[in-house]
Amino acid sequence: MKKVTVAMSGGVDSSVCASLLQEKGYDVKGAIMRLHNGIEKDIEDAQRVCRHLGIPLEIYDFTNEFEREVIDRFCRDYGNNLTPNPCIYCNNALKFGAFLRRALDDGCDLIATGHYARIIEENGRYTLHTACNKDKDQSYVLYGMTQFALPHTLFPLGEYESKEEIRTYAEKKGLP
């Protein structure tokens, strides 16, 4: 059974992501990234979801990395008259960088997020694709994913046609 660490936020997308993977037979655990102070409510929400699903939740403290890789870079780029995009920095350096490495170091085979995108493997090469739900597609903020990150990542929500399907699933499962 493959082990997967789900990046939890406490929101509906990551909650459904964890539940779907559990249903598919994965050994699931949750992890939330502490990027700055003041996320206690998010941690509580993620804990409630993980308790409901009967999975553990870890807190990955990336406050230093966030400061260095996202905040400092944003300020530097802005100061150089560039148009910074902190979400891209965070995805590349933290979610599909530090978070992925930490999950693998902790013995997981894969990570998963509630992003709306798809990964397709063909002849040993992995490519990022748009989600089936074009209105929710998030592949454009994931373009920096590497050939190392792609095969170690799952995006279960990418196959869904509507956000309403996700909300209905969450309601049927009684997800907090």
N, C-alpha and C. Protein backbone atom coordinates (compact mmCIF):
# COMPACT_ATOMS: atom_id res chain seq x y z
N MET A 1 0.84 -1.17 0.00
CA MET A 1 0.00 0.00 0.00
C MET A 1 0.89 1.24 0.00
N LYS A 2 0.65 2.12 -0.95
CA LYS A 2 1.45 3.35 -1.04
C LYS A 2 1.04 4.34 0.03
N LYS A 3 2.06 5.01 0.58
CA LYS A 3 1.85 6.02 1.60
C LYS A 3 1.85 7.39 0.95
N VAL A 4 0.86 8.20 1.32
CA VAL A 4 0.74 9.54 0.75
C VAL A 4 0.52 10.56 1.87
N THR A 5 1.22 11.67 1.76
CA THR A 5 1.03 12.80 2.66
C THR A 5 0.22 13.84 1.92
N VAL A 6 -0.93 14.20 2.48
CA VAL A 6 -1.80 15.20 1.85
C VAL A 6 -1.53 16.55 2.49
N ALA A 7 -1.28 17.54 1.66
CA ALA A 7 -1.11 18.91 2.13
C ALA A 7 -2.48 19.44 2.54
N MET A 8 -2.67 19.56 3.85
CA MET A 8 -3.97 19.95 4.39
C MET A 8 -4.02 21.45 4.66
N SER A 9 -5.20 22.02 4.41
CA SER A 9 -5.43 23.42 4.76
C SER A 9 -6.59 23.54 5.73
N GLY A 10 -7.39 22.50 5.82
CA GLY A 10 -8.62 22.55 6.60
C GLY A 10 -9.81 22.90 5.74
N GLY A 11 -9.55 23.25 4.48
CA GLY A 11 -10.62 23.59 3.54
C GLY A 11 -11.20 22.35 2.87
N VAL A 12 -12.24 22.57 2.09
CA VAL A 12 -12.96 21.46 1.47
C VAL A 12 -12.10 20.70 0.46
N ASP A 13 -11.28 21.40 -0.33
CA ASP A 13 -10.52 20.71 -1.37
C ASP A 13 -9.50 19.73 -0.80
N SER A 14 -8.70 20.16 0.17
CA SER A 14 -7.72 19.23 0.73
C SER A 14 -8.40 18.13 1.53
N SER A 15 -9.53 18.44 2.16
CA SER A 15 -10.26 17.43 2.92
C SER A 15 -10.80 16.34 2.00
N VAL A 16 -11.40 16.73 0.89
CA VAL A 16 -11.91 15.76 -0.07
C VAL A 16 -10.75 14.98 -0.69
N CYS A 17 -9.66 15.65 -0.98
CA CYS A 17 -8.46 14.99 -1.51
C CYS A 17 -8.04 13.84 -0.60
N ALA A 18 -7.93 14.10 0.70
CA ALA A 18 -7.51 13.07 1.66
C ALA A 18 -8.52 11.92 1.70
N SER A 19 -9.80 12.24 1.71
CA SER A 19 -10.83 11.21 1.78
C SER A 19 -10.84 10.34 0.52
N LEU A 20 -10.71 10.97 -0.65
CA LEU A 20 -10.69 10.22 -1.91
C LEU A 20 -9.52 9.23 -1.94
N LEU A 21 -8.36 9.69 -1.51
CA LEU A 21 -7.18 8.82 -1.53
C LEU A 21 -7.33 7.68 -0.53
N GLN A 22 -7.95 7.96 0.60
CA GLN A 22 -8.22 6.92 1.59
C GLN A 22 -9.14 5.86 0.98
N GLU A 23 -10.18 6.30 0.27
CA GLU A 23 -11.10 5.37 -0.39
C GLU A 23 -10.40 4.51 -1.43
N LYS A 24 -9.40 5.08 -2.09
CA LYS A 24 -8.67 4.35 -3.13
C LYS A 24 -7.64 3.39 -2.55
N GLY A 25 -7.53 3.33 -1.22
CA GLY A 25 -6.65 2.36 -0.59
C GLY A 25 -5.27 2.86 -0.22
N TYR A 26 -5.02 4.13 -0.35
CA TYR A 26 -3.73 4.68 0.06
C TYR A 26 -3.66 4.76 1.58
N ASP A 27 -2.45 4.65 2.11
CA ASP A 27 -2.18 4.90 3.52
C ASP A 27 -1.95 6.40 3.63
N VAL A 28 -2.93 7.12 4.16
CA VAL A 28 -2.96 8.58 4.10
C VAL A 28 -2.60 9.20 5.46
N LYS A 29 -1.80 10.24 5.40
CA LYS A 29 -1.62 11.11 6.56
C LYS A 29 -1.70 12.54 6.06
N GLY A 30 -2.03 13.45 6.96
CA GLY A 30 -2.11 14.85 6.61
C GLY A 30 -0.92 15.61 7.15
N ALA A 31 -0.62 16.71 6.51
CA ALA A 31 0.42 17.63 7.00
C ALA A 31 0.00 19.03 6.59
N ILE A 32 0.19 19.96 7.51
CA ILE A 32 -0.10 21.36 7.21
C ILE A 32 1.20 22.14 7.35
N MET A 33 1.40 23.08 6.46
CA MET A 33 2.61 23.88 6.50
C MET A 33 2.39 25.13 7.36
N ARG A 34 3.24 25.29 8.36
CA ARG A 34 3.25 26.55 9.11
C ARG A 34 4.23 27.46 8.37
N LEU A 35 3.66 28.50 7.76
CA LEU A 35 4.48 29.43 6.99
C LEU A 35 4.71 30.73 7.74
N HIS A 36 3.84 31.01 8.69
CA HIS A 36 3.93 32.24 9.48
C HIS A 36 3.06 32.04 10.71
N ASN A 37 3.12 32.96 11.64
CA ASN A 37 2.26 32.89 12.82
C ASN A 37 0.83 33.27 12.43
N GLY A 38 -0.11 32.83 13.25
CA GLY A 38 -1.49 33.21 13.01
C GLY A 38 -2.29 32.22 12.18
N ILE A 39 -1.83 30.98 12.10
CA ILE A 39 -2.59 30.00 11.33
C ILE A 39 -3.26 28.97 12.25
N GLU A 40 -3.43 29.32 13.51
CA GLU A 40 -3.99 28.36 14.47
C GLU A 40 -5.36 27.85 14.05
N LYS A 41 -6.21 28.73 13.50
CA LYS A 41 -7.54 28.30 13.06
C LYS A 41 -7.42 27.28 11.93
N ASP A 42 -6.51 27.52 11.00
CA ASP A 42 -6.30 26.56 9.90
C ASP A 42 -5.84 25.21 10.45
N ILE A 43 -4.95 25.25 11.43
CA ILE A 43 -4.46 24.00 12.03
C ILE A 43 -5.62 23.28 12.72
N GLU A 44 -6.45 24.02 13.47
CA GLU A 44 -7.61 23.40 14.13
C GLU A 44 -8.56 22.77 13.11
N ASP A 45 -8.81 23.48 12.01
CA ASP A 45 -9.69 22.95 10.96
C ASP A 45 -9.11 21.67 10.37
N ALA A 46 -7.82 21.68 10.08
CA ALA A 46 -7.16 20.49 9.53
C ALA A 46 -7.19 19.34 10.54
N GLN A 47 -6.99 19.64 11.81
CA GLN A 47 -7.06 18.60 12.85
C GLN A 47 -8.44 17.97 12.91
N ARG A 48 -9.49 18.78 12.81
CA ARG A 48 -10.86 18.25 12.83
C ARG A 48 -11.09 17.30 11.66
N VAL A 49 -10.63 17.69 10.49
CA VAL A 49 -10.81 16.84 9.31
C VAL A 49 -10.04 15.54 9.48
N CYS A 50 -8.79 15.63 9.92
CA CYS A 50 -7.97 14.43 10.08
C CYS A 50 -8.54 13.50 11.15
N ARG A 51 -9.05 14.06 12.25
CA ARG A 51 -9.72 13.23 13.26
C ARG A 51 -10.92 12.52 12.66
N HIS A 52 -11.70 13.24 11.87
CA HIS A 52 -12.88 12.66 11.22
C HIS A 52 -12.49 11.49 10.31
N LEU A 53 -11.37 11.65 9.60
CA LEU A 53 -10.91 10.61 8.68
C LEU A 53 -10.09 9.53 9.38
N GLY A 54 -9.71 9.78 10.62
CA GLY A 54 -8.90 8.81 11.36
C GLY A 54 -7.47 8.73 10.87
N ILE A 55 -6.93 9.89 10.46
CA ILE A 55 -5.55 9.93 9.97
C ILE A 55 -4.75 10.91 10.83
N PRO A 56 -3.45 10.70 10.92
CA PRO A 56 -2.62 11.65 11.68
C PRO A 56 -2.41 12.95 10.91
N LEU A 57 -2.12 14.00 11.67
CA LEU A 57 -1.77 15.29 11.09
C LEU A 57 -0.45 15.75 11.67
N GLU A 58 0.46 16.12 10.81
CA GLU A 58 1.73 16.70 11.25
C GLU A 58 1.75 18.17 10.85
N ILE A 59 2.53 18.93 11.58
CA ILE A 59 2.75 20.33 11.25
C ILE A 59 4.19 20.47 10.78
N TYR A 60 4.35 20.85 9.53
CA TYR A 60 5.68 21.08 8.97
C TYR A 60 5.98 22.58 9.12
N ASP A 61 6.95 22.91 9.92
CA ASP A 61 7.29 24.30 10.16
C ASP A 61 8.28 24.78 9.10
N PHE A 62 7.79 25.58 8.18
CA PHE A 62 8.60 26.15 7.11
C PHE A 62 8.63 27.68 7.19
N THR A 63 8.55 28.22 8.41
CA THR A 63 8.52 29.68 8.54
C THR A 63 9.80 30.32 8.01
N ASN A 64 10.95 29.73 8.29
CA ASN A 64 12.22 30.29 7.80
C ASN A 64 12.30 30.20 6.28
N GLU A 65 11.92 29.06 5.75
CA GLU A 65 11.96 28.87 4.29
C GLU A 65 10.99 29.83 3.60
N PHE A 66 9.81 30.03 4.20
CA PHE A 66 8.82 30.94 3.62
C PHE A 66 9.37 32.36 3.59
N GLU A 67 9.97 32.76 4.69
CA GLU A 67 10.56 34.11 4.76
C GLU A 67 11.62 34.29 3.67
N ARG A 68 12.51 33.30 3.56
CA ARG A 68 13.63 33.39 2.63
C ARG A 68 13.18 33.23 1.17
N GLU A 69 12.40 32.21 0.89
CA GLU A 69 12.07 31.84 -0.50
C GLU A 69 10.89 32.60 -1.09
N VAL A 70 10.01 33.12 -0.23
CA VAL A 70 8.82 33.79 -0.74
C VAL A 70 8.83 35.28 -0.40
N ILE A 71 8.87 35.61 0.88
CA ILE A 71 8.79 37.02 1.29
C ILE A 71 10.01 37.81 0.80
N ASP A 72 11.21 37.31 1.11
CA ASP A 72 12.43 38.03 0.70
C ASP A 72 12.52 38.14 -0.82
N ARG A 73 12.18 37.06 -1.50
CA ARG A 73 12.26 37.09 -2.96
C ARG A 73 11.24 38.07 -3.54
N PHE A 74 10.02 38.06 -2.97
CA PHE A 74 9.01 39.02 -3.41
C PHE A 74 9.53 40.45 -3.27
N CYS A 75 10.06 40.78 -2.10
CA CYS A 75 10.56 42.14 -1.85
C CYS A 75 11.70 42.49 -2.79
N ARG A 76 12.61 41.55 -2.99
CA ARG A 76 13.75 41.78 -3.88
C ARG A 76 13.28 42.03 -5.32
N ASP A 77 12.38 41.16 -5.80
CA ASP A 77 11.89 41.31 -7.17
C ASP A 77 11.10 42.60 -7.35
N TYR A 78 10.25 42.90 -6.38
CA TYR A 78 9.46 44.13 -6.45
C TYR A 78 10.38 45.35 -6.45
N GLY A 79 11.40 45.30 -5.61
CA GLY A 79 12.37 46.39 -5.55
C GLY A 79 13.17 46.55 -6.84
N ASN A 80 13.24 45.49 -7.64
CA ASN A 80 13.93 45.54 -8.93
C ASN A 80 12.96 45.77 -10.09
N ASN A 81 11.77 46.30 -9.77
CA ASN A 81 10.75 46.64 -10.77
C ASN A 81 10.26 45.42 -11.56
N LEU A 82 10.28 44.26 -10.93
CA LEU A 82 9.71 43.07 -11.54
C LEU A 82 8.29 42.87 -10.99
N THR A 83 7.56 41.96 -11.58
CA THR A 83 6.22 41.64 -11.11
C THR A 83 6.27 40.28 -10.43
N PRO A 84 6.45 40.27 -9.11
CA PRO A 84 6.60 38.99 -8.40
C PRO A 84 5.28 38.24 -8.28
N ASN A 85 5.38 36.92 -8.20
CA ASN A 85 4.20 36.09 -7.99
C ASN A 85 4.52 35.14 -6.83
N PRO A 86 4.13 35.52 -5.61
CA PRO A 86 4.50 34.71 -4.44
C PRO A 86 3.92 33.30 -4.46
N CYS A 87 2.77 33.10 -5.09
CA CYS A 87 2.19 31.75 -5.16
C CYS A 87 3.09 30.80 -5.95
N ILE A 88 3.66 31.30 -7.01
CA ILE A 88 4.58 30.48 -7.81
C ILE A 88 5.82 30.15 -6.99
N TYR A 89 6.36 31.17 -6.29
CA TYR A 89 7.54 30.93 -5.45
C TYR A 89 7.26 29.87 -4.40
N CYS A 90 6.09 29.98 -3.76
CA CYS A 90 5.73 29.05 -2.70
C CYS A 90 5.54 27.64 -3.25
N ASN A 91 4.85 27.51 -4.37
CA ASN A 91 4.66 26.19 -4.96
C ASN A 91 6.00 25.54 -5.29
N ASN A 92 6.87 26.28 -5.95
CA ASN A 92 8.15 25.71 -6.38
C ASN A 92 9.06 25.38 -5.21
N ALA A 93 9.23 26.33 -4.31
CA ALA A 93 10.20 26.14 -3.22
C ALA A 93 9.64 25.33 -2.05
N LEU A 94 8.36 25.51 -1.75
CA LEU A 94 7.83 24.89 -0.54
C LEU A 94 6.96 23.67 -0.83
N LYS A 95 5.83 23.83 -1.49
CA LYS A 95 4.94 22.68 -1.67
C LYS A 95 5.61 21.54 -2.42
N PHE A 96 6.21 21.85 -3.55
CA PHE A 96 6.81 20.80 -4.38
C PHE A 96 8.32 20.78 -4.26
N GLY A 97 8.80 21.37 -3.17
CA GLY A 97 10.20 21.38 -2.81
C GLY A 97 10.34 20.82 -1.40
N ALA A 98 10.33 21.72 -0.41
CA ALA A 98 10.55 21.33 0.99
C ALA A 98 9.49 20.37 1.50
N PHE A 99 8.21 20.61 1.19
CA PHE A 99 7.13 19.73 1.66
C PHE A 99 7.31 18.32 1.07
N LEU A 100 7.58 18.25 -0.21
CA LEU A 100 7.78 16.95 -0.87
C LEU A 100 8.97 16.23 -0.26
N ARG A 101 10.09 16.91 -0.10
CA ARG A 101 11.29 16.26 0.47
C ARG A 101 11.01 15.77 1.89
N ARG A 102 10.31 16.58 2.69
CA ARG A 102 10.00 16.17 4.07
C ARG A 102 9.12 14.93 4.08
N ALA A 103 8.10 14.90 3.24
CA ALA A 103 7.20 13.74 3.18
C ALA A 103 7.97 12.48 2.76
N LEU A 104 8.82 12.61 1.77
CA LEU A 104 9.62 11.46 1.32
C LEU A 104 10.58 11.01 2.42
N ASP A 105 11.21 11.97 3.09
CA ASP A 105 12.11 11.64 4.21
C ASP A 105 11.37 10.94 5.34
N ASP A 106 10.07 11.28 5.51
CA ASP A 106 9.25 10.67 6.55
C ASP A 106 8.70 9.30 6.14
N GLY A 107 9.08 8.81 4.95
CA GLY A 107 8.68 7.47 4.53
C GLY A 107 7.48 7.39 3.61
N CYS A 108 6.97 8.53 3.17
CA CYS A 108 5.85 8.50 2.23
C CYS A 108 6.38 8.31 0.81
N ASP A 109 5.52 7.75 -0.03
CA ASP A 109 5.86 7.53 -1.44
C ASP A 109 5.45 8.72 -2.30
N LEU A 110 4.39 9.41 -1.87
CA LEU A 110 3.77 10.45 -2.68
C LEU A 110 3.26 11.58 -1.79
N ILE A 111 3.02 12.72 -2.42
CA ILE A 111 2.26 13.79 -1.77
C ILE A 111 1.02 14.04 -2.63
N ALA A 112 0.05 14.69 -2.03
CA ALA A 112 -1.15 15.06 -2.78
C ALA A 112 -1.61 16.42 -2.29
N THR A 113 -2.21 17.17 -3.18
CA THR A 113 -2.78 18.46 -2.82
C THR A 113 -4.17 18.56 -3.42
N GLY A 114 -4.92 19.56 -2.97
CA GLY A 114 -6.26 19.80 -3.49
C GLY A 114 -6.27 20.70 -4.72
N HIS A 115 -5.13 20.81 -5.40
CA HIS A 115 -5.10 21.61 -6.63
C HIS A 115 -5.94 20.95 -7.72
N TYR A 116 -6.50 21.79 -8.57
CA TYR A 116 -7.25 21.32 -9.73
C TYR A 116 -6.31 21.33 -10.93
N ALA A 117 -5.72 20.18 -11.17
CA ALA A 117 -4.79 19.97 -12.29
C ALA A 117 -4.68 18.47 -12.47
N ARG A 118 -4.01 18.06 -13.52
CA ARG A 118 -3.80 16.63 -13.77
C ARG A 118 -2.35 16.39 -14.17
N ILE A 119 -1.87 15.21 -13.84
CA ILE A 119 -0.53 14.77 -14.25
C ILE A 119 -0.70 13.53 -15.09
N ILE A 120 -0.08 13.53 -16.25
CA ILE A 120 -0.17 12.38 -17.15
C ILE A 120 1.24 11.86 -17.43
N GLU A 121 1.39 10.55 -17.30
CA GLU A 121 2.67 9.90 -17.59
C GLU A 121 2.57 9.19 -18.93
N GLU A 122 3.56 9.42 -19.76
CA GLU A 122 3.62 8.75 -21.05
C GLU A 122 5.08 8.44 -21.37
N ASN A 123 5.38 7.16 -21.48
CA ASN A 123 6.73 6.70 -21.79
C ASN A 123 7.77 7.22 -20.80
N GLY A 124 7.41 7.22 -19.52
CA GLY A 124 8.35 7.63 -18.49
C GLY A 124 8.51 9.12 -18.31
N ARG A 125 7.77 9.91 -19.06
CA ARG A 125 7.83 11.37 -18.94
C ARG A 125 6.49 11.86 -18.38
N TYR A 126 6.57 12.75 -17.42
CA TYR A 126 5.38 13.27 -16.76
C TYR A 126 5.11 14.69 -17.23
N THR A 127 3.84 14.95 -17.51
CA THR A 127 3.46 16.28 -17.96
C THR A 127 2.26 16.78 -17.16
N LEU A 128 2.25 18.07 -16.95
CA LEU A 128 1.18 18.74 -16.23
C LEU A 128 0.10 19.13 -17.22
N HIS A 129 -1.16 18.89 -16.85
CA HIS A 129 -2.29 19.21 -17.73
C HIS A 129 -3.35 19.98 -16.98
N THR A 130 -4.20 20.64 -17.71
CA THR A 130 -5.30 21.37 -17.10
C THR A 130 -6.29 20.41 -16.47
N ALA A 131 -7.03 20.92 -15.50
CA ALA A 131 -8.07 20.14 -14.84
C ALA A 131 -9.25 19.96 -15.79
N CYS A 132 -10.05 18.94 -15.54
CA CYS A 132 -11.27 18.75 -16.32
C CYS A 132 -12.22 19.92 -16.13
N ASN A 133 -12.24 20.50 -14.93
CA ASN A 133 -13.05 21.67 -14.64
C ASN A 133 -12.23 22.91 -15.01
N LYS A 134 -12.48 23.42 -16.19
CA LYS A 134 -11.69 24.56 -16.70
C LYS A 134 -11.87 25.82 -15.84
N ASP A 135 -13.01 25.94 -15.17
CA ASP A 135 -13.25 27.11 -14.32
C ASP A 135 -12.40 27.08 -13.06
N LYS A 136 -12.01 25.90 -12.60
CA LYS A 136 -11.22 25.77 -11.38
C LYS A 136 -9.76 25.43 -11.66
N ASP A 137 -9.39 25.27 -12.90
CA ASP A 137 -8.03 24.85 -13.26
C ASP A 137 -6.97 25.70 -12.57
N GLN A 138 -5.96 25.03 -12.02
CA GLN A 138 -4.85 25.73 -11.35
C GLN A 138 -3.49 25.33 -11.92
N SER A 139 -3.49 24.69 -13.06
CA SER A 139 -2.22 24.23 -13.63
C SER A 139 -1.27 25.39 -13.90
N TYR A 140 -1.80 26.57 -14.17
CA TYR A 140 -0.97 27.73 -14.49
C TYR A 140 -0.07 28.15 -13.32
N VAL A 141 -0.45 27.82 -12.07
CA VAL A 141 0.42 28.16 -10.93
C VAL A 141 1.33 27.01 -10.55
N LEU A 142 1.25 25.93 -11.31
CA LEU A 142 2.05 24.74 -11.03
C LEU A 142 3.09 24.48 -12.12
N TYR A 143 3.23 25.41 -13.06
CA TYR A 143 4.08 25.17 -14.22
C TYR A 143 5.53 24.89 -13.86
N GLY A 144 5.98 25.27 -12.68
CA GLY A 144 7.37 25.06 -12.28
C GLY A 144 7.66 23.67 -11.74
N MET A 145 6.65 22.79 -11.70
CA MET A 145 6.89 21.45 -11.17
C MET A 145 7.92 20.72 -12.04
N THR A 146 8.79 19.98 -11.37
CA THR A 146 9.90 19.31 -12.04
C THR A 146 9.58 17.85 -12.35
N GLN A 147 10.45 17.24 -13.12
CA GLN A 147 10.32 15.81 -13.40
C GLN A 147 10.57 14.97 -12.15
N PHE A 148 11.12 15.57 -11.11
CA PHE A 148 11.21 14.88 -9.83
C PHE A 148 9.88 14.98 -9.08
N ALA A 149 9.27 16.16 -9.06
CA ALA A 149 8.04 16.37 -8.30
C ALA A 149 6.83 15.71 -8.94
N LEU A 150 6.71 15.79 -10.25
CA LEU A 150 5.50 15.29 -10.92
C LEU A 150 5.18 13.82 -10.61
N PRO A 151 6.13 12.88 -10.71
CA PRO A 151 5.76 11.49 -10.43
C PRO A 151 5.52 11.19 -8.95
N HIS A 152 5.85 12.13 -8.10
CA HIS A 152 5.64 11.95 -6.66
C HIS A 152 4.40 12.71 -6.16
N THR A 153 3.57 13.18 -7.08
CA THR A 153 2.44 14.04 -6.71
C THR A 153 1.14 13.52 -7.30
N LEU A 154 0.08 13.64 -6.50
CA LEU A 154 -1.26 13.29 -6.94
C LEU A 154 -2.16 14.52 -6.83
N PHE A 155 -3.03 14.70 -7.82
CA PHE A 155 -4.04 15.76 -7.82
C PHE A 155 -5.41 15.11 -8.06
N PRO A 156 -5.99 14.46 -7.06
CA PRO A 156 -7.25 13.74 -7.29
C PRO A 156 -8.42 14.61 -7.74
N LEU A 157 -8.40 15.90 -7.43
CA LEU A 157 -9.53 16.76 -7.80
C LEU A 157 -9.50 17.17 -9.27
N GLY A 158 -8.38 16.96 -9.92
CA GLY A 158 -8.23 17.36 -11.31
C GLY A 158 -9.17 16.67 -12.27
N GLU A 159 -9.71 15.53 -11.88
CA GLU A 159 -10.60 14.76 -12.74
C GLU A 159 -12.07 15.18 -12.61
N TYR A 160 -12.37 16.00 -11.62
CA TYR A 160 -13.77 16.38 -11.38
C TYR A 160 -14.21 17.51 -12.29
N GLU A 161 -15.47 17.45 -12.70
CA GLU A 161 -16.02 18.42 -13.65
C GLU A 161 -16.52 19.70 -13.00
N SER A 162 -16.86 19.63 -11.69
CA SER A 162 -17.40 20.84 -11.06
C SER A 162 -17.06 20.89 -9.58
N LYS A 163 -17.03 22.09 -9.05
CA LYS A 163 -16.81 22.30 -7.62
C LYS A 163 -17.99 21.75 -6.83
N GLU A 164 -19.17 21.80 -7.43
CA GLU A 164 -20.36 21.27 -6.76
C GLU A 164 -20.19 19.77 -6.46
N GLU A 165 -19.53 19.02 -7.35
CA GLU A 165 -19.26 17.61 -7.08
C GLU A 165 -18.41 17.44 -5.82
N ILE A 166 -17.44 18.32 -5.65
CA ILE A 166 -16.56 18.27 -4.49
C ILE A 166 -17.35 18.57 -3.22
N ARG A 167 -18.17 19.61 -3.27
CA ARG A 167 -18.98 19.97 -2.09
C ARG A 167 -19.98 18.87 -1.74
N THR A 168 -20.59 18.27 -2.75
CA THR A 168 -21.55 17.19 -2.52
C THR A 168 -20.85 15.99 -1.89
N TYR A 169 -19.68 15.65 -2.39
CA TYR A 169 -18.90 14.54 -1.83
C TYR A 169 -18.60 14.82 -0.36
N ALA A 170 -18.13 16.03 -0.06
CA ALA A 170 -17.78 16.41 1.31
C ALA A 170 -18.99 16.30 2.22
N GLU A 171 -20.12 16.75 1.73
CA GLU A 171 -21.35 16.68 2.53
C GLU A 171 -21.74 15.23 2.80
N LYS A 172 -21.69 14.39 1.78
CA LYS A 172 -22.05 12.96 1.95
C LYS A 172 -21.13 12.27 2.94
N LYS A 173 -19.87 12.67 2.96
CA LYS A 173 -18.89 12.07 3.87
C LYS A 173 -18.92 12.71 5.25
N GLY A 174 -19.70 13.78 5.40
CA GLY A 174 -19.77 14.47 6.69
C GLY A 174 -18.49 15.16 7.07
N LEU A 175 -17.71 15.59 6.08
CA LEU A 175 -16.43 16.24 6.37
C LEU A 175 -16.66 17.60 7.02
N PRO A 176 -15.92 17.86 8.09
CA PRO A 176 -16.10 19.17 8.76
C PRO A 176 -15.62 20.31 7.88
